[in-house]
Amino acid sequence: MAKALSLKLDEPTYLAAEKIRKKLKVPRNTYFRKAVSHYNALYARKLLEREYRKASRRLGASHLEYLRETELLEDLPTER
C-alpha cells in the first residue's frame, strides 16, 4: 500500500530535480519514488559496509591472537 507524504525542498534542489525529471520525461511522483529508492539502496550498502568493517576488525584481532598461540606451539620441542 502506497503512503502519501509531504515534501518540502529548497528552490535550487527542486529546480534541479525538475530539470532532470523533465529531460527524462517521467512523472514527478515516479522520479521522487525512484530517487528515494536509490538513496535507500545506497545507504543500505553503506550500513552493510560498516557492519563488515566491524566484523573484520573483530576477526582480525582473533586471528592475530591465534597466530601468536600457534607460533608458541611451534617453539616447543618435538617429541621423538
C-alpha atoms as a PDB file:
ATOM      1  CA  MET A   1       0.000   0.000   0.000  1.00  0.00           C
ATOM      2  CA  ALA A   2       1.379   3.379  -1.005  1.00  0.00           C
ATOM      3  CA  LYS A   3       1.809   6.091   1.609  1.00  0.00           C
ATOM      4  CA  ALA A   4       1.319   9.769   0.879  1.00  0.00           C
ATOM      5  CA  LEU A   5       3.806  12.281   2.220  1.00  0.00           C
ATOM      6  CA  SER A   6       4.503  15.965   2.000  1.00  0.00           C
ATOM      7  CA  LEU A   7       7.955  17.026   0.901  1.00  0.00           C
ATOM      8  CA  LYS A   8       9.467  20.490   1.116  1.00  0.00           C
ATOM      9  CA  LEU A   9      12.562  21.205  -0.964  1.00  0.00           C
ATOM     10  CA  ASP A  10      14.663  24.320  -1.213  1.00  0.00           C
ATOM     11  CA  GLU A  11      14.356  26.108  -4.545  1.00  0.00           C
ATOM     12  CA  PRO A  12      17.700  25.027  -6.096  1.00  0.00           C
ATOM     13  CA  THR A  13      17.092  21.356  -5.254  1.00  0.00           C
ATOM     14  CA  TYR A  14      13.562  21.483  -6.622  1.00  0.00           C
ATOM     15  CA  LEU A  15      14.625  23.217  -9.851  1.00  0.00           C
ATOM     16  CA  ALA A  16      17.473  20.751 -10.426  1.00  0.00           C
ATOM     17  CA  ALA A  17      15.142  17.792  -9.867  1.00  0.00           C
ATOM     18  CA  GLU A  18      12.513  19.278 -12.179  1.00  0.00           C
ATOM     19  CA  LYS A  19      15.060  19.896 -14.911  1.00  0.00           C
ATOM     20  CA  ILE A  20      16.281  16.296 -14.816  1.00  0.00           C
ATOM     21  CA  ARG A  21      12.782  14.865 -14.429  1.00  0.00           C
ATOM     22  CA  LYS A  22      11.548  16.750 -17.491  1.00  0.00           C
ATOM     23  CA  LYS A  23      14.510  15.562 -19.575  1.00  0.00           C
ATOM     24  CA  LEU A  24      13.751  12.001 -18.517  1.00  0.00           C
ATOM     25  CA  LYS A  25      10.057  12.567 -19.266  1.00  0.00           C
ATOM     26  CA  VAL A  26       8.860  10.854 -16.109  1.00  0.00           C
ATOM     27  CA  PRO A  27       6.102  11.947 -13.736  1.00  0.00           C
ATOM     28  CA  ARG A  28       7.234  13.793 -10.613  1.00  0.00           C
ATOM     29  CA  ASN A  29       5.934  11.034  -8.345  1.00  0.00           C
ATOM     30  CA  THR A  30       7.892   8.385 -10.257  1.00  0.00           C
ATOM     31  CA  TYR A  31      11.055  10.474 -10.233  1.00  0.00           C
ATOM     32  CA  PHE A  32      10.990  11.052  -6.475  1.00  0.00           C
ATOM     33  CA  ARG A  33       9.982   7.449  -5.725  1.00  0.00           C
ATOM     34  CA  LYS A  34      12.996   6.229  -7.718  1.00  0.00           C
ATOM     35  CA  ALA A  35      15.247   8.819  -6.070  1.00  0.00           C
ATOM     36  CA  VAL A  36      14.238   7.676  -2.574  1.00  0.00           C
ATOM     37  CA  SER A  37      14.624   4.033  -3.585  1.00  0.00           C
ATOM     38  CA  HIS A  38      18.124   4.736  -4.921  1.00  0.00           C
ATOM     39  CA  TYR A  39      19.065   6.650  -1.761  1.00  0.00           C
ATOM     40  CA  ASN A  40      17.794   3.775   0.407  1.00  0.00           C
ATOM     41  CA  ALA A  41      19.846   1.235  -1.555  1.00  0.00           C
ATOM     42  CA  LEU A  42      22.950   3.422  -1.322  1.00  0.00           C
ATOM     43  CA  TYR A  43      22.714   3.807   2.442  1.00  0.00           C
ATOM     44  CA  ALA A  44      21.795   0.160   2.977  1.00  0.00           C
ATOM     45  CA  ARG A  45      25.118  -0.702   1.292  1.00  0.00           C
ATOM     46  CA  LYS A  46      26.990   1.856   3.411  1.00  0.00           C
ATOM     47  CA  LEU A  47      25.491   0.413   6.596  1.00  0.00           C
ATOM     48  CA  LEU A  48      26.386  -3.107   5.473  1.00  0.00           C
ATOM     49  CA  GLU A  49      29.948  -1.958   4.763  1.00  0.00           C
ATOM     50  CA  ARG A  50      30.143  -0.527   8.286  1.00  0.00           C
ATOM     51  CA  GLU A  51      28.980  -3.859   9.747  1.00  0.00           C
ATOM     52  CA  TYR A  52      31.529  -5.780   7.641  1.00  0.00           C
ATOM     53  CA  ARG A  53      34.326  -3.489   8.800  1.00  0.00           C
ATOM     54  CA  LYS A  54      33.395  -4.055  12.463  1.00  0.00           C
ATOM     55  CA  ALA A  55      33.279  -7.826  11.948  1.00  0.00           C
ATOM     56  CA  SER A  56      36.596  -7.739  10.102  1.00  0.00           C
ATOM     57  CA  ARG A  57      38.263  -5.865  12.959  1.00  0.00           C
ATOM     58  CA  ARG A  58      36.905  -8.375  15.484  1.00  0.00           C
ATOM     59  CA  LEU A  59      38.023 -11.341  13.398  1.00  0.00           C
ATOM     60  CA  GLY A  60      41.386  -9.729  12.693  1.00  0.00           C
ATOM     61  CA  ALA A  61      42.118  -9.417  16.411  1.00  0.00           C
ATOM     62  CA  SER A  62      41.110 -13.055  16.994  1.00  0.00           C
ATOM     63  CA  HIS A  63      43.236 -14.172  14.063  1.00  0.00           C
ATOM     64  CA  LEU A  64      46.312 -12.382  15.418  1.00  0.00           C
ATOM     65  CA  GLU A  65      45.764 -13.997  18.806  1.00  0.00           C
ATOM     66  CA  TYR A  66      45.501 -17.407  17.128  1.00  0.00           C
ATOM     67  CA  LEU A  67      48.733 -16.802  15.185  1.00  0.00           C
ATOM     68  CA  ARG A  68      50.542 -15.842  18.369  1.00  0.00           C
ATOM     69  CA  GLU A  69      49.330 -19.014  20.072  1.00  0.00           C
ATOM     70  CA  THR A  70      50.375 -21.269  17.190  1.00  0.00           C
ATOM     71  CA  GLU A  71      53.795 -19.627  16.985  1.00  0.00           C
ATOM     72  CA  LEU A  72      54.296 -20.505  20.635  1.00  0.00           C
ATOM     73  CA  LEU A  73      53.353 -24.089  19.869  1.00  0.00           C
ATOM     74  CA  GLU A  74      55.915 -24.204  17.078  1.00  0.00           C
ATOM     75  CA  ASP A  75      58.629 -23.244  19.582  1.00  0.00           C
ATOM     76  CA  LEU A  76      58.008 -26.340  21.693  1.00  0.00           C
ATOM     77  CA  PRO A  77      60.440 -29.211  21.196  1.00  0.00           C
ATOM     78  CA  THR A  78      59.135 -32.063  19.091  1.00  0.00           C
ATOM     79  CA  GLU A  79      58.695 -35.473  20.666  1.00  0.00           C
ATOM     80  CA  ARG A  80      60.687 -38.335  19.179  1.00  0.00           C
END
